[in-house]
């Protein structure tokens, strides 16, 4: 949450979303609420099919994509580094 607040919360160029692999929408949303996620939570069927082609093999999986769906970075450290670069910081 600290990295989110530092790099994304007030950055109008970046939006963070949570894509849950959970099949139970209410359980996924309840968990996100319990964790106090300020970003939206999506489940299979809520997002374009191509988002699932990112091949997440572990949780949590961080992947930075541009508005066209092109992968810019993968992994927490790489994503936050790229966000910093793109933001000019």
PDB file of N, CA and C in Angstrom:
ATOM      1  N   UNK A   1       0.828  -1.189   0.000  1.00  0.00           N
ATOM      2  CA  UNK A   1       0.000   0.000   0.000  1.00  0.00           C
ATOM      3  C   UNK A   1       0.873   1.253   0.000  1.00  0.00           C
ATOM      4  N   UNK A   2       2.027   1.179   0.670  1.00  0.00           N
ATOM      5  CA  UNK A   2       2.919   2.332   0.728  1.00  0.00           C
ATOM      6  C   UNK A   2       3.424   2.714  -0.667  1.00  0.00           C
ATOM      7  N   UNK A   3       3.809   1.721  -1.473  1.00  0.00           N
ATOM      8  CA  UNK A   3       4.275   2.007  -2.838  1.00  0.00           C
ATOM      9  C   UNK A   3       3.148   2.606  -3.671  1.00  0.00           C
ATOM     10  N   UNK A   4       1.935   2.094  -3.484  1.00  0.00           N
ATOM     11  CA  UNK A   4       0.779   2.642  -4.196  1.00  0.00           C
ATOM     12  C   UNK A   4       0.606   4.115  -3.847  1.00  0.00           C
ATOM     13  N   UNK A   5       0.609   4.423  -2.558  1.00  0.00           N
ATOM     14  CA  UNK A   5       0.404   5.804  -2.119  1.00  0.00           C
ATOM     15  C   UNK A   5       1.507   6.716  -2.640  1.00  0.00           C
ATOM     16  N   UNK A   6       2.726   6.208  -2.676  1.00  0.00           N
ATOM     17  CA  UNK A   6       3.873   6.998  -3.105  1.00  0.00           C
ATOM     18  C   UNK A   6       3.900   7.220  -4.618  1.00  0.00           C
ATOM     19  N   UNK A   7       3.565   6.197  -5.400  1.00  0.00           N
ATOM     20  CA  UNK A   7       3.765   6.253  -6.845  1.00  0.00           C
ATOM     21  C   UNK A   7       2.509   6.395  -7.690  1.00  0.00           C
ATOM     22  N   UNK A   8       1.364   5.997  -7.165  1.00  0.00           N
ATOM     23  CA  UNK A   8       0.174   5.904  -8.012  1.00  0.00           C
ATOM     24  C   UNK A   8      -0.994   6.750  -7.534  1.00  0.00           C
ATOM     25  N   UNK A   9      -1.223   6.804  -6.251  1.00  0.00           N
ATOM     26  CA  UNK A   9      -2.433   7.425  -5.711  1.00  0.00           C
ATOM     27  C   UNK A   9      -2.720   8.806  -6.300  1.00  0.00           C
ATOM     28  N   UNK A  10      -1.730   9.658  -6.398  1.00  0.00           N
ATOM     29  CA  UNK A  10      -1.932  11.018  -6.909  1.00  0.00           C
ATOM     30  C   UNK A  10      -1.356  11.209  -8.303  1.00  0.00           C
ATOM     31  N   UNK A  11      -1.126  10.113  -9.013  1.00  0.00           N
ATOM     32  CA  UNK A  11      -0.555  10.158 -10.356  1.00  0.00           C
ATOM     33  C   UNK A  11      -1.676   9.951 -11.374  1.00  0.00           C
ATOM     34  N   UNK A  12      -2.058  10.993 -12.060  1.00  0.00           N
ATOM     35  CA  UNK A  12      -3.180  10.912 -13.006  1.00  0.00           C
ATOM     36  C   UNK A  12      -2.847  10.094 -14.251  1.00  0.00           C
ATOM     37  N   UNK A  13      -1.580   9.727 -14.430  1.00  0.00           N
ATOM     38  CA  UNK A  13      -1.176   8.957 -15.605  1.00  0.00           C
ATOM     39  C   UNK A  13      -1.235   7.447 -15.376  1.00  0.00           C
ATOM     40  N   UNK A  14      -1.472   7.034 -14.130  1.00  0.00           N
ATOM     41  CA  UNK A  14      -1.434   5.611 -13.792  1.00  0.00           C
ATOM     42  C   UNK A  14      -2.685   5.236 -13.011  1.00  0.00           C
ATOM     43  N   UNK A  15      -3.236   4.083 -13.344  1.00  0.00           N
ATOM     44  CA  UNK A  15      -4.357   3.547 -12.575  1.00  0.00           C
ATOM     45  C   UNK A  15      -4.023   2.116 -12.193  1.00  0.00           C
ATOM     46  N   UNK A  16      -4.223   1.789 -10.949  1.00  0.00           N
ATOM     47  CA  UNK A  16      -3.996   0.424 -10.481  1.00  0.00           C
ATOM     48  C   UNK A  16      -5.343  -0.270 -10.365  1.00  0.00           C
ATOM     49  N   UNK A  17      -5.383  -1.531 -10.821  1.00  0.00           N
ATOM     50  CA  UNK A  17      -6.589  -2.335 -10.671  1.00  0.00           C
ATOM     51  C   UNK A  17      -6.195  -3.681 -10.072  1.00  0.00           C
ATOM     52  N   UNK A  18      -7.138  -4.328  -9.449  1.00  0.00           N
ATOM     53  CA  UNK A  18      -6.954  -5.666  -8.895  1.00  0.00           C
ATOM     54  C   UNK A  18      -7.759  -6.616  -9.763  1.00  0.00           C
ATOM     55  N   UNK A  19      -7.083  -7.587 -10.361  1.00  0.00           N
ATOM     56  CA  UNK A  19      -7.771  -8.602 -11.148  1.00  0.00           C
ATOM     57  C   UNK A  19      -7.721  -9.893 -10.350  1.00  0.00           C
ATOM     58  N   UNK A  20      -8.864 -10.301  -9.853  1.00  0.00           N
ATOM     59  CA  UNK A  20      -8.949 -11.486  -9.008  1.00  0.00           C
ATOM     60  C   UNK A  20      -9.131 -12.737  -9.852  1.00  0.00           C
ATOM     61  N   UNK A  21      -8.485 -13.813  -9.444  1.00  0.00           N
ATOM     62  CA  UNK A  21      -8.678 -15.105 -10.101  1.00  0.00           C
ATOM     63  C   UNK A  21      -9.826 -15.867  -9.432  1.00  0.00           C
ATOM     64  N   UNK A  22     -10.392 -15.274  -8.405  1.00  0.00           N
ATOM     65  CA  UNK A  22     -11.484 -15.894  -7.655  1.00  0.00           C
ATOM     66  C   UNK A  22     -12.704 -16.069  -8.552  1.00  0.00           C
ATOM     67  N   UNK A  23     -13.402 -17.152  -8.388  1.00  0.00           N
ATOM     68  CA  UNK A  23     -14.621 -17.384  -9.171  1.00  0.00           C
ATOM     69  C   UNK A  23     -15.859 -16.852  -8.449  1.00  0.00           C
ATOM     70  N   UNK A  24     -15.718 -16.550  -7.182  1.00  0.00           N
ATOM     71  CA  UNK A  24     -16.824 -16.039  -6.374  1.00  0.00           C
ATOM     72  C   UNK A  24     -16.671 -14.529  -6.230  1.00  0.00           C
ATOM     73  N   UNK A  25     -17.485 -13.798  -6.988  1.00  0.00           N
ATOM     74  CA  UNK A  25     -17.350 -12.345  -7.030  1.00  0.00           C
ATOM     75  C   UNK A  25     -17.514 -11.715  -5.653  1.00  0.00           C
ATOM     76  N   UNK A  26     -18.495 -12.149  -4.899  1.00  0.00           N
ATOM     77  CA  UNK A  26     -18.719 -11.515  -3.607  1.00  0.00           C
ATOM     78  C   UNK A  26     -17.565 -11.792  -2.652  1.00  0.00           C
ATOM     79  N   UNK A  27     -16.967 -12.988  -2.707  1.00  0.00           N
ATOM     80  CA  UNK A  27     -15.809 -13.295  -1.860  1.00  0.00           C
ATOM     81  C   UNK A  27     -14.623 -12.419  -2.244  1.00  0.00           C
ATOM     82  N   UNK A  28     -14.405 -12.237  -3.537  1.00  0.00           N
ATOM     83  CA  UNK A  28     -13.295 -11.397  -4.008  1.00  0.00           C
ATOM     84  C   UNK A  28     -13.492  -9.951  -3.580  1.00  0.00           C
ATOM     85  N   UNK A  29     -14.698  -9.446  -3.739  1.00  0.00           N
ATOM     86  CA  UNK A  29     -14.976  -8.059  -3.363  1.00  0.00           C
ATOM     87  C   UNK A  29     -14.902  -7.865  -1.851  1.00  0.00           C
ATOM     88  N   UNK A  30     -15.388  -8.853  -1.099  1.00  0.00           N
ATOM     89  CA  UNK A  30     -15.296  -8.779   0.365  1.00  0.00           C
ATOM     90  C   UNK A  30     -13.837  -8.748   0.819  1.00  0.00           C
ATOM     91  N   UNK A  31     -13.002  -9.588   0.199  1.00  0.00           N
ATOM     92  CA  UNK A  31     -11.585  -9.622   0.558  1.00  0.00           C
ATOM     93  C   UNK A  31     -10.910  -8.293   0.224  1.00  0.00           C
ATOM     94  N   UNK A  32     -11.192  -7.747  -0.963  1.00  0.00           N
ATOM     95  CA  UNK A  32     -10.601  -6.463  -1.357  1.00  0.00           C
ATOM     96  C   UNK A  32     -11.023  -5.356  -0.391  1.00  0.00           C
ATOM     97  N   UNK A  33     -12.270  -5.395   0.035  1.00  0.00           N
ATOM     98  CA  UNK A  33     -12.760  -4.399   0.996  1.00  0.00           C
ATOM     99  C   UNK A  33     -12.059  -4.571   2.343  1.00  0.00           C
ATOM    100  N   UNK A  34     -11.914  -5.814   2.779  1.00  0.00           N
ATOM    101  CA  UNK A  34     -11.241  -6.103   4.044  1.00  0.00           C
ATOM    102  C   UNK A  34      -9.794  -5.600   4.017  1.00  0.00           C
ATOM    103  N   UNK A  35      -9.144  -5.711   2.862  1.00  0.00           N
ATOM    104  CA  UNK A  35      -7.761  -5.255   2.704  1.00  0.00           C
ATOM    105  C   UNK A  35      -7.670  -3.744   2.475  1.00  0.00           C
ATOM    106  N   UNK A  36      -8.826  -3.090   2.370  1.00  0.00           N
ATOM    107  CA  UNK A  36      -8.914  -1.636   2.150  1.00  0.00           C
ATOM    108  C   UNK A  36      -8.288  -1.197   0.832  1.00  0.00           C
ATOM    109  N   UNK A  37      -8.459  -2.014  -0.219  1.00  0.00           N
ATOM    110  CA  UNK A  37      -7.950  -1.632  -1.534  1.00  0.00           C
ATOM    111  C   UNK A  37      -8.727  -0.422  -2.040  1.00  0.00           C
ATOM    112  N   UNK A  38      -8.050   0.664  -2.393  1.00  0.00           N
ATOM    113  CA  UNK A  38      -8.745   1.830  -2.925  1.00  0.00           C
ATOM    114  C   UNK A  38      -8.976   1.738  -4.435  1.00  0.00           C
ATOM    115  N   UNK A  39      -8.457   0.700  -5.072  1.00  0.00           N
ATOM    116  CA  UNK A  39      -8.586   0.537  -6.514  1.00  0.00           C
ATOM    117  C   UNK A  39      -9.691  -0.475  -6.822  1.00  0.00           C
ATOM    118  N   UNK A  40     -10.201  -0.463  -8.060  1.00  0.00           N
ATOM    119  CA  UNK A  40     -11.286  -1.384  -8.423  1.00  0.00           C
ATOM    120  C   UNK A  40     -10.815  -2.836  -8.517  1.00  0.00           C
ATOM    121  N   UNK A  41     -11.737  -3.751  -8.254  1.00  0.00           N
ATOM    122  CA  UNK A  41     -11.486  -5.187  -8.355  1.00  0.00           C
ATOM    123  C   UNK A  41     -12.293  -5.741  -9.518  1.00  0.00           C
ATOM    124  N   UNK A  42     -11.627  -6.524 -10.369  1.00  0.00           N
ATOM    125  CA  UNK A  42     -12.281  -7.154 -11.514  1.00  0.00           C
ATOM    126  C   UNK A  42     -12.113  -8.663 -11.427  1.00  0.00           C
ATOM    127  N   UNK A  43     -13.058  -9.385 -12.008  1.00  0.00           N
ATOM    128  CA  UNK A  43     -13.017 -10.841 -12.070  1.00  0.00           C
ATOM    129  C   UNK A  43     -13.120 -11.276 -13.519  1.00  0.00           C
ATOM    130  N   UNK A  44     -12.856 -12.582 -13.794  1.00  0.00           N
ATOM    131  CA  UNK A  44     -13.033 -13.062 -15.163  1.00  0.00           C
ATOM    132  C   UNK A  44     -14.418 -12.670 -15.680  1.00  0.00           C
ATOM    133  N   UNK A  45     -14.458 -12.175 -16.887  1.00  0.00           N
ATOM    134  CA  UNK A  45     -15.710 -11.723 -17.479  1.00  0.00           C
ATOM    135  C   UNK A  45     -15.924 -10.230 -17.336  1.00  0.00           C
ATOM    136  N   UNK A  46     -15.215  -9.602 -16.397  1.00  0.00           N
ATOM    137  CA  UNK A  46     -15.327  -8.153 -16.201  1.00  0.00           C
ATOM    138  C   UNK A  46     -14.358  -7.381 -17.084  1.00  0.00           C
ATOM    139  N   UNK A  47     -13.320  -8.057 -17.576  1.00  0.00           N
ATOM    140  CA  UNK A  47     -12.255  -7.391 -18.318  1.00  0.00           C
ATOM    141  C   UNK A  47     -12.161  -7.973 -19.722  1.00  0.00           C
ATOM    142  N   UNK A  48     -11.480  -7.266 -20.619  1.00  0.00           N
ATOM    143  CA  UNK A  48     -11.277  -7.837 -21.956  1.00  0.00           C
ATOM    144  C   UNK A  48     -10.523  -9.161 -21.858  1.00  0.00           C
ATOM    145  N   UNK A  49     -10.833 -10.099 -22.739  1.00  0.00           N
ATOM    146  CA  UNK A  49     -10.202 -11.420 -22.704  1.00  0.00           C
ATOM    147  C   UNK A  49      -8.686 -11.351 -22.777  1.00  0.00           C
ATOM    148  N   UNK A  50      -8.143 -10.372 -23.507  1.00  0.00           N
ATOM    149  CA  UNK A  50      -6.697 -10.321 -23.680  1.00  0.00           C
ATOM    150  C   UNK A  50      -5.946 -10.027 -22.381  1.00  0.00           C
ATOM    151  N   UNK A  51      -6.610  -9.482 -21.382  1.00  0.00           N
ATOM    152  CA  UNK A  51      -5.937  -9.224 -20.102  1.00  0.00           C
ATOM    153  C   UNK A  51      -5.515 -10.542 -19.459  1.00  0.00           C
ATOM    154  N   UNK A  52      -6.227 -11.617 -19.748  1.00  0.00           N
ATOM    155  CA  UNK A  52      -5.908 -12.922 -19.164  1.00  0.00           C
ATOM    156  C   UNK A  52      -4.721 -13.571 -19.862  1.00  0.00           C
ATOM    157  N   UNK A  53      -4.288 -13.021 -20.988  1.00  0.00           N
ATOM    158  CA  UNK A  53      -3.121 -13.547 -21.693  1.00  0.00           C
ATOM    159  C   UNK A  53      -1.809 -13.117 -21.050  1.00  0.00           C
ATOM    160  N   UNK A  54      -1.864 -12.379 -19.957  1.00  0.00           N
ATOM    161  CA  UNK A  54      -0.648 -11.928 -19.283  1.00  0.00           C
ATOM    162  C   UNK A  54       0.038 -13.062 -18.530  1.00  0.00           C
ATOM    163  N   UNK A  55      -0.633 -14.179 -18.376  1.00  0.00           N
ATOM    164  CA  UNK A  55      -0.058 -15.404 -17.813  1.00  0.00           C
ATOM    165  C   UNK A  55       0.494 -15.231 -16.402  1.00  0.00           C
ATOM    166  N   UNK A  56      -0.338 -14.772 -15.519  1.00  0.00           N
ATOM    167  CA  UNK A  56       0.058 -14.680 -14.111  1.00  0.00           C
ATOM    168  C   UNK A  56       0.258 -16.086 -13.567  1.00  0.00           C
ATOM    169  N   UNK A  57       1.419 -16.334 -12.999  1.00  0.00           N
ATOM    170  CA  UNK A  57       1.718 -17.668 -12.475  1.00  0.00           C
ATOM    171  C   UNK A  57       1.834 -17.675 -10.956  1.00  0.00           C
ATOM    172  N   UNK A  58       1.680 -16.515 -10.338  1.00  0.00           N
ATOM    173  CA  UNK A  58       1.761 -16.417  -8.888  1.00  0.00           C
ATOM    174  C   UNK A  58       0.943 -15.222  -8.424  1.00  0.00           C
ATOM    175  N   UNK A  59       0.713 -15.153  -7.123  1.00  0.00           N
ATOM    176  CA  UNK A  59      -0.083 -14.074  -6.546  1.00  0.00           C
ATOM    177  C   UNK A  59       0.728 -13.446  -5.424  1.00  0.00           C
ATOM    178  N   UNK A  60       0.848 -12.149  -5.347  1.00  0.00           N
ATOM    179  CA  UNK A  60       0.319 -11.195  -6.315  1.00  0.00           C
ATOM    180  C   UNK A  60       1.211 -11.105  -7.544  1.00  0.00           C
ATOM    181  N   UNK A  61       0.612 -10.810  -8.661  1.00  0.00           N
ATOM    182  CA  UNK A  61       1.305 -10.663  -9.935  1.00  0.00           C
ATOM    183  C   UNK A  61       1.154  -9.219 -10.371  1.00  0.00           C
ATOM    184  N   UNK A  62       2.254  -8.539 -10.548  1.00  0.00           N
ATOM    185  CA  UNK A  62       2.236  -7.148 -10.991  1.00  0.00           C
ATOM    186  C   UNK A  62       2.629  -7.088 -12.453  1.00  0.00           C
ATOM    187  N   UNK A  63       1.825  -6.386 -13.231  1.00  0.00           N
ATOM    188  CA  UNK A  63       2.120  -6.190 -14.640  1.00  0.00           C
ATOM    189  C   UNK A  63       1.657  -4.789 -15.018  1.00  0.00           C
ATOM    190  N   UNK A  64       2.555  -4.014 -15.593  1.00  0.00           N
ATOM    191  CA  UNK A  64       2.226  -2.663 -16.024  1.00  0.00           C
ATOM    192  C   UNK A  64       1.947  -2.697 -17.513  1.00  0.00           C
ATOM    193  N   UNK A  65       0.763  -2.261 -17.897  1.00  0.00           N
ATOM    194  CA  UNK A  65       0.395  -2.204 -19.311  1.00  0.00           C
ATOM    195  C   UNK A  65      -0.014  -0.780 -19.653  1.00  0.00           C
ATOM    196  N   UNK A  66       0.153  -0.438 -20.931  1.00  0.00           N
ATOM    197  CA  UNK A  66      -0.296   0.882 -21.356  1.00  0.00           C
ATOM    198  C   UNK A  66      -1.771   0.811 -21.735  1.00  0.00           C
ATOM    199  N   UNK A  67      -2.316   1.942 -22.134  1.00  0.00           N
ATOM    200  CA  UNK A  67      -3.756   1.982 -22.427  1.00  0.00           C
ATOM    201  C   UNK A  67      -4.163   1.078 -23.583  1.00  0.00           C
ATOM    202  N   UNK A  68      -3.185   0.649 -24.407  1.00  0.00           N
ATOM    203  CA  UNK A  68      -3.480  -0.248 -25.519  1.00  0.00           C
ATOM    204  C   UNK A  68      -3.269  -1.716 -25.161  1.00  0.00           C
ATOM    205  N   UNK A  69      -2.893  -1.979 -23.904  1.00  0.00           N
ATOM    206  CA  UNK A  69      -2.696  -3.349 -23.451  1.00  0.00           C
ATOM    207  C   UNK A  69      -1.301  -3.891 -23.673  1.00  0.00           C
ATOM    208  N   UNK A  70      -0.362  -3.050 -24.107  1.00  0.00           N
ATOM    209  CA  UNK A  70       1.018  -3.488 -24.303  1.00  0.00           C
ATOM    210  C   UNK A  70       1.731  -3.592 -22.959  1.00  0.00           C
ATOM    211  N   UNK A  71       2.410  -4.711 -22.728  1.00  0.00           N
ATOM    212  CA  UNK A  71       3.116  -4.913 -21.466  1.00  0.00           C
ATOM    213  C   UNK A  71       4.357  -4.026 -21.427  1.00  0.00           C
ATOM    214  N   UNK A  72       4.478  -3.229 -20.360  1.00  0.00           N
ATOM    215  CA  UNK A  72       5.623  -2.341 -20.178  1.00  0.00           C
ATOM    216  C   UNK A  72       6.601  -2.873 -19.135  1.00  0.00           C
ATOM    217  N   UNK A  73       6.106  -3.593 -18.154  1.00  0.00           N
ATOM    218  CA  UNK A  73       6.956  -4.145 -17.095  1.00  0.00           C
ATOM    219  C   UNK A  73       6.208  -5.259 -16.385  1.00  0.00           C
ATOM    220  N   UNK A  74       6.979  -6.153 -15.771  1.00  0.00           N
ATOM    221  CA  UNK A  74       6.396  -7.261 -15.016  1.00  0.00           C
ATOM    222  C   UNK A  74       7.162  -7.430 -13.710  1.00  0.00           C
ATOM    223  N   UNK A  75       6.435  -7.663 -12.641  1.00  0.00           N
ATOM    224  CA  UNK A  75       7.037  -7.784 -11.315  1.00  0.00           C
ATOM    225  C   UNK A  75       6.926  -6.463 -10.575  1.00  0.00           C
ATOM    226  N   UNK A  76       6.759  -6.533  -9.284  1.00  0.00           N
ATOM    227  CA  UNK A  76       6.536  -5.337  -8.473  1.00  0.00           C
ATOM    228  C   UNK A  76       7.630  -4.289  -8.656  1.00  0.00           C
ATOM    229  N   UNK A  77       8.889  -4.676  -8.461  1.00  0.00           N
ATOM    230  CA  UNK A  77       9.989  -3.709  -8.547  1.00  0.00           C
ATOM    231  C   UNK A  77      10.071  -3.080  -9.933  1.00  0.00           C
ATOM    232  N   UNK A  78       9.962  -3.898 -10.973  1.00  0.00           N
ATOM    233  CA  UNK A  78      10.053  -3.389 -12.341  1.00  0.00           C
ATOM    234  C   UNK A  78       8.894  -2.453 -12.664  1.00  0.00           C
ATOM    235  N   UNK A  79       7.697  -2.781 -12.202  1.00  0.00           N
ATOM    236  CA  UNK A  79       6.531  -1.936 -12.470  1.00  0.00           C
ATOM    237  C   UNK A  79       6.669  -0.574 -11.800  1.00  0.00           C
ATOM    238  N   UNK A  80       7.027  -0.570 -10.524  1.00  0.00           N
ATOM    239  CA  UNK A  80       7.146   0.709  -9.827  1.00  0.00           C
ATOM    240  C   UNK A  80       8.317   1.530 -10.355  1.00  0.00           C
ATOM    241  N   UNK A  81       9.387   0.874 -10.799  1.00  0.00           N
ATOM    242  CA  UNK A  81      10.512   1.588 -11.415  1.00  0.00           C
ATOM    243  C   UNK A  81      10.065   2.244 -12.719  1.00  0.00           C
ATOM    244  N   UNK A  82       9.322   1.496 -13.537  1.00  0.00           N
ATOM    245  CA  UNK A  82       8.850   2.022 -14.822  1.00  0.00           C
ATOM    246  C   UNK A  82       7.862   3.163 -14.607  1.00  0.00           C
ATOM    247  N   UNK A  83       6.994   3.048 -13.613  1.00  0.00           N
ATOM    248  CA  UNK A  83       6.054   4.129 -13.301  1.00  0.00           C
ATOM    249  C   UNK A  83       6.830   5.393 -12.959  1.00  0.00           C
ATOM    250  N   UNK A  84       7.870   5.237 -12.174  1.00  0.00           N
ATOM    251  CA  UNK A  84       8.698   6.385 -11.789  1.00  0.00           C
ATOM    252  C   UNK A  84       9.350   7.012 -13.020  1.00  0.00           C
ATOM    253  N   UNK A  85       9.891   6.175 -13.911  1.00  0.00           N
ATOM    254  CA  UNK A  85      10.519   6.665 -15.144  1.00  0.00           C
ATOM    255  C   UNK A  85       9.513   7.418 -16.007  1.00  0.00           C
ATOM    256  N   UNK A  86       8.353   6.825 -16.202  1.00  0.00           N
ATOM    257  CA  UNK A  86       7.340   7.427 -17.069  1.00  0.00           C
ATOM    258  C   UNK A  86       6.764   8.710 -16.485  1.00  0.00           C
ATOM    259  N   UNK A  87       6.814   8.818 -15.171  1.00  0.00           N
ATOM    260  CA  UNK A  87       6.281  10.007 -14.500  1.00  0.00           C
ATOM    261  C   UNK A  87       7.309  11.127 -14.422  1.00  0.00           C
ATOM    262  N   UNK A  88       8.538  10.835 -14.858  1.00  0.00           N
ATOM    263  CA  UNK A  88       9.583  11.848 -14.832  1.00  0.00           C
ATOM    264  C   UNK A  88      10.162  12.100 -13.458  1.00  0.00           C
ATOM    265  N   UNK A  89      10.014  11.147 -12.565  1.00  0.00           N
ATOM    266  CA  UNK A  89      10.557  11.305 -11.195  1.00  0.00           C
ATOM    267  C   UNK A  89      11.843  10.538 -11.029  1.00  0.00           C
TER     268      UNK A  89
END
